[in-house]
């Protein structure tokens, strides 16, 4: 024989259902956590992009510096040669 459902039984079921339902505050907190997670991921990607740009910039500057060092060595050698040549003329 089937148990008869009373209004009190139904009210209890509805009450338990509401106890397990998220509140607006629960949803707001979840939304904040998700926004924070998205923000963190966006910041991590921006940092990675900056690291790559800095690495490329540093590499370019190192190549430029090496080129300038070579150029300065060539100039130093030419100046030394000219100084020697000038000393011998005197």
N, C-alpha and C. Protein backbone atom coordinates (compact mmCIF):
# COMPACT_ATOMS: atom_id res chain seq x y z
N UNK A 1 0.84 -1.17 0.00
CA UNK A 1 0.00 0.00 0.00
C UNK A 1 0.89 1.24 0.00
N UNK A 2 0.56 2.20 -0.85
CA UNK A 2 1.36 3.41 -1.00
C UNK A 2 1.14 4.32 0.19
N UNK A 3 2.26 4.95 0.59
CA UNK A 3 2.18 5.88 1.72
C UNK A 3 1.49 7.16 1.26
N UNK A 4 0.63 7.66 2.09
CA UNK A 4 -0.09 8.87 1.76
C UNK A 4 0.79 10.07 2.03
N UNK A 5 0.90 10.99 1.07
CA UNK A 5 1.71 12.20 1.20
C UNK A 5 0.87 13.26 1.88
N UNK A 6 1.42 13.81 2.94
CA UNK A 6 0.70 14.88 3.63
C UNK A 6 1.31 16.22 3.21
N UNK A 7 0.61 17.26 3.52
CA UNK A 7 1.10 18.61 3.23
C UNK A 7 2.39 18.85 4.01
N UNK A 8 2.50 18.31 5.21
CA UNK A 8 3.71 18.47 6.01
C UNK A 8 4.89 17.76 5.34
N UNK A 9 4.65 16.56 4.78
CA UNK A 9 5.71 15.83 4.06
C UNK A 9 6.19 16.66 2.86
N UNK A 10 5.25 17.18 2.12
CA UNK A 10 5.57 17.99 0.94
C UNK A 10 6.33 19.26 1.35
N UNK A 11 5.88 19.90 2.42
CA UNK A 11 6.54 21.11 2.91
C UNK A 11 7.97 20.79 3.35
N UNK A 12 8.17 19.65 3.98
CA UNK A 12 9.52 19.22 4.40
C UNK A 12 10.42 18.98 3.20
N UNK A 13 9.88 18.36 2.14
CA UNK A 13 10.66 18.12 0.93
C UNK A 13 11.07 19.44 0.28
N UNK A 14 10.12 20.37 0.21
CA UNK A 14 10.41 21.68 -0.38
C UNK A 14 11.46 22.40 0.46
N UNK A 15 11.34 22.35 1.77
CA UNK A 15 12.30 23.00 2.67
C UNK A 15 13.70 22.42 2.48
N UNK A 16 13.82 21.09 2.41
CA UNK A 16 15.13 20.47 2.19
C UNK A 16 15.70 20.86 0.82
N UNK A 17 14.83 21.01 -0.16
CA UNK A 17 15.28 21.45 -1.48
C UNK A 17 15.86 22.85 -1.44
N UNK A 18 15.20 23.74 -0.69
CA UNK A 18 15.71 25.11 -0.56
C UNK A 18 17.02 25.15 0.22
N UNK A 19 17.20 24.26 1.17
CA UNK A 19 18.44 24.22 1.94
C UNK A 19 19.63 23.87 1.05
N UNK A 20 19.39 23.08 0.01
CA UNK A 20 20.46 22.66 -0.89
C UNK A 20 20.60 23.57 -2.12
N UNK A 21 19.81 24.63 -2.18
CA UNK A 21 19.86 25.54 -3.32
C UNK A 21 20.82 26.69 -3.01
N UNK A 22 21.60 27.08 -4.01
CA UNK A 22 22.56 28.17 -3.84
C UNK A 22 21.80 29.48 -3.65
N UNK A 23 22.36 30.31 -2.80
CA UNK A 23 21.77 31.63 -2.58
C UNK A 23 22.39 32.62 -3.56
N UNK A 24 21.83 33.82 -3.61
CA UNK A 24 22.41 34.86 -4.46
C UNK A 24 23.84 35.16 -4.02
N UNK A 25 24.08 35.13 -2.71
CA UNK A 25 25.43 35.38 -2.20
C UNK A 25 26.38 34.26 -2.64
N UNK A 26 25.91 33.02 -2.61
CA UNK A 26 26.74 31.90 -3.09
C UNK A 26 27.12 32.12 -4.56
N UNK A 27 26.15 32.52 -5.37
CA UNK A 27 26.41 32.76 -6.79
C UNK A 27 27.35 33.94 -6.99
N UNK A 28 27.20 34.98 -6.16
CA UNK A 28 28.08 36.14 -6.28
C UNK A 28 29.52 35.75 -5.94
N UNK A 29 29.69 34.96 -4.88
CA UNK A 29 31.02 34.50 -4.49
C UNK A 29 31.65 33.63 -5.59
N UNK A 30 30.83 32.78 -6.18
CA UNK A 30 31.31 31.94 -7.28
C UNK A 30 31.72 32.80 -8.47
N UNK A 31 30.91 33.80 -8.77
CA UNK A 31 31.23 34.71 -9.87
C UNK A 31 32.54 35.45 -9.61
N UNK A 32 32.76 35.89 -8.37
CA UNK A 32 34.01 36.57 -8.01
C UNK A 32 35.20 35.63 -8.15
N UNK A 33 35.04 34.39 -7.70
CA UNK A 33 36.14 33.42 -7.83
C UNK A 33 36.46 33.15 -9.29
N UNK A 34 35.43 33.04 -10.12
CA UNK A 34 35.65 32.79 -11.55
C UNK A 34 36.33 33.99 -12.19
N UNK A 35 35.89 35.19 -11.85
CA UNK A 35 36.51 36.39 -12.40
C UNK A 35 37.96 36.46 -11.98
N UNK A 36 38.25 36.13 -10.73
CA UNK A 36 39.62 36.14 -10.24
C UNK A 36 40.45 35.11 -11.00
N UNK A 37 39.90 33.94 -11.23
CA UNK A 37 40.63 32.89 -11.96
C UNK A 37 40.92 33.36 -13.38
N UNK A 38 39.94 33.99 -14.03
CA UNK A 38 40.14 34.51 -15.38
C UNK A 38 41.19 35.62 -15.37
N UNK A 39 41.13 36.49 -14.35
CA UNK A 39 42.10 37.58 -14.25
C UNK A 39 43.51 37.02 -14.06
N UNK A 40 43.64 36.00 -13.23
CA UNK A 40 44.95 35.39 -12.98
C UNK A 40 45.48 34.79 -14.27
N UNK A 41 44.63 34.10 -15.01
CA UNK A 41 45.07 33.49 -16.27
C UNK A 41 45.47 34.59 -17.26
N UNK A 42 44.70 35.66 -17.32
CA UNK A 42 45.02 36.75 -18.23
C UNK A 42 46.36 37.39 -17.84
N UNK A 43 46.59 37.57 -16.54
CA UNK A 43 47.86 38.12 -16.08
C UNK A 43 49.02 37.18 -16.38
N UNK A 44 48.81 35.89 -16.20
CA UNK A 44 49.86 34.92 -16.50
C UNK A 44 50.23 34.96 -17.97
N UNK A 45 49.24 35.08 -18.84
CA UNK A 45 49.52 35.17 -20.28
C UNK A 45 50.25 36.46 -20.61
N UNK A 46 49.87 37.57 -19.96
CA UNK A 46 50.53 38.85 -20.19
C UNK A 46 51.99 38.79 -19.73
N UNK A 47 52.23 38.15 -18.60
CA UNK A 47 53.60 38.00 -18.09
C UNK A 47 54.42 37.16 -19.05
N UNK A 48 53.85 36.08 -19.54
CA UNK A 48 54.57 35.22 -20.49
C UNK A 48 54.92 36.00 -21.76
N UNK A 49 53.97 36.80 -22.24
CA UNK A 49 54.21 37.63 -23.42
C UNK A 49 55.33 38.63 -23.15
N UNK A 50 55.31 39.26 -21.98
CA UNK A 50 56.36 40.21 -21.62
C UNK A 50 57.72 39.53 -21.52
N UNK A 51 57.75 38.33 -20.96
CA UNK A 51 59.01 37.59 -20.87
C UNK A 51 59.57 37.30 -22.25
N UNK A 52 58.71 36.92 -23.18
CA UNK A 52 59.16 36.64 -24.53
C UNK A 52 59.69 37.91 -25.19
N UNK A 53 58.98 39.02 -25.01
CA UNK A 53 59.42 40.30 -25.59
C UNK A 53 60.75 40.75 -24.99
N UNK A 54 60.87 40.61 -23.68
CA UNK A 54 62.12 41.00 -23.01
C UNK A 54 63.28 40.14 -23.51
N UNK A 55 63.03 38.86 -23.68
CA UNK A 55 64.07 37.95 -24.17
C UNK A 55 64.51 38.36 -25.57
N UNK A 56 63.54 38.65 -26.44
CA UNK A 56 63.86 39.07 -27.80
C UNK A 56 64.60 40.41 -27.78
N UNK A 57 64.16 41.33 -26.94
CA UNK A 57 64.81 42.64 -26.83
C UNK A 57 66.25 42.49 -26.34
N UNK A 58 66.43 41.64 -25.31
CA UNK A 58 67.77 41.43 -24.77
C UNK A 58 68.66 40.77 -25.81
N UNK A 59 68.13 39.82 -26.55
CA UNK A 59 68.90 39.15 -27.59
C UNK A 59 69.32 40.16 -28.65
N UNK A 60 68.40 41.00 -29.08
CA UNK A 60 68.71 42.03 -30.08
C UNK A 60 69.79 42.96 -29.54
N UNK A 61 69.63 43.41 -28.28
CA UNK A 61 70.62 44.32 -27.70
C UNK A 61 71.98 43.67 -27.57
N UNK A 62 72.02 42.38 -27.24
CA UNK A 62 73.29 41.68 -27.14
C UNK A 62 73.96 41.63 -28.50
N UNK A 63 73.20 41.35 -29.54
CA UNK A 63 73.76 41.33 -30.89
C UNK A 63 74.28 42.71 -31.27
N UNK A 64 73.52 43.75 -30.94
CA UNK A 64 73.95 45.12 -31.23
C UNK A 64 75.23 45.44 -30.46
N UNK A 65 75.27 45.07 -29.21
CA UNK A 65 76.44 45.33 -28.38
C UNK A 65 77.67 44.60 -28.94
N UNK A 66 77.48 43.36 -29.33
CA UNK A 66 78.59 42.60 -29.92
C UNK A 66 79.08 43.27 -31.21
N UNK A 67 78.15 43.74 -32.02
CA UNK A 67 78.50 44.42 -33.26
C UNK A 67 79.27 45.71 -32.96
N UNK A 68 78.79 46.46 -31.96
CA UNK A 68 79.48 47.69 -31.59
C UNK A 68 80.87 47.43 -31.02
N UNK A 69 81.02 46.35 -30.26
CA UNK A 69 82.34 46.00 -29.72
C UNK A 69 83.31 45.70 -30.86
N UNK A 70 82.85 44.94 -31.83
CA UNK A 70 83.69 44.62 -32.99
C UNK A 70 84.07 45.89 -33.73
N UNK A 71 83.12 46.76 -33.93
CA UNK A 71 83.37 48.02 -34.62
C UNK A 71 84.38 48.87 -33.85
N UNK A 72 84.22 48.94 -32.51
CA UNK A 72 85.16 49.70 -31.68
C UNK A 72 86.56 49.10 -31.73
N UNK A 73 86.67 47.78 -31.75
CA UNK A 73 87.98 47.14 -31.85
C UNK A 73 88.65 47.51 -33.16
N UNK A 74 87.87 47.51 -34.23
CA UNK A 74 88.41 47.90 -35.53
C UNK A 74 88.90 49.34 -35.49
N UNK A 75 88.13 50.22 -34.90
CA UNK A 75 88.53 51.63 -34.79
C UNK A 75 89.79 51.75 -33.93
N UNK A 76 89.83 51.02 -32.81
CA UNK A 76 91.03 51.05 -31.95
C UNK A 76 92.27 50.61 -32.72
N UNK A 77 92.12 49.54 -33.50
CA UNK A 77 93.25 49.04 -34.29
C UNK A 77 93.69 50.09 -35.32
N UNK A 78 92.75 50.74 -35.97
CA UNK A 78 93.09 51.77 -36.96
C UNK A 78 93.78 52.97 -36.30
N UNK A 79 93.25 53.37 -35.13
CA UNK A 79 93.86 54.51 -34.42
C UNK A 79 95.27 54.13 -33.98
N UNK A 80 95.44 52.93 -33.46
CA UNK A 80 96.78 52.48 -33.04
C UNK A 80 97.72 52.48 -34.23
N UNK A 81 97.25 52.01 -35.37
CA UNK A 81 98.08 52.00 -36.58
C UNK A 81 98.47 53.42 -36.98
N UNK A 82 97.49 54.33 -36.98
CA UNK A 82 97.76 55.72 -37.35
C UNK A 82 98.70 56.39 -36.35
N UNK A 83 98.54 56.08 -35.06
CA UNK A 83 99.44 56.64 -34.05
C UNK A 83 100.87 56.16 -34.29
N UNK A 84 101.03 54.89 -34.59
CA UNK A 84 102.36 54.33 -34.87
C UNK A 84 102.96 55.00 -36.10
N UNK A 85 102.14 55.14 -37.11
CA UNK A 85 102.59 55.76 -38.35
C UNK A 85 103.01 57.22 -38.09
N UNK A 86 102.24 57.93 -37.28
CA UNK A 86 102.53 59.33 -36.99
C UNK A 86 103.83 59.45 -36.18
N UNK A 87 104.04 58.52 -35.19
CA UNK A 87 105.25 58.54 -34.36
C UNK A 87 106.48 58.31 -35.22
N UNK A 88 106.39 57.45 -36.20
CA UNK A 88 107.53 57.15 -37.04
C UNK A 88 107.89 58.32 -37.97
N UNK A 89 106.92 59.15 -38.30
CA UNK A 89 107.17 60.30 -39.17
C UNK A 89 107.94 61.39 -38.43
N UNK A 90 107.77 61.49 -37.12
CA UNK A 90 108.43 62.56 -36.36
C UNK A 90 109.88 62.33 -36.23
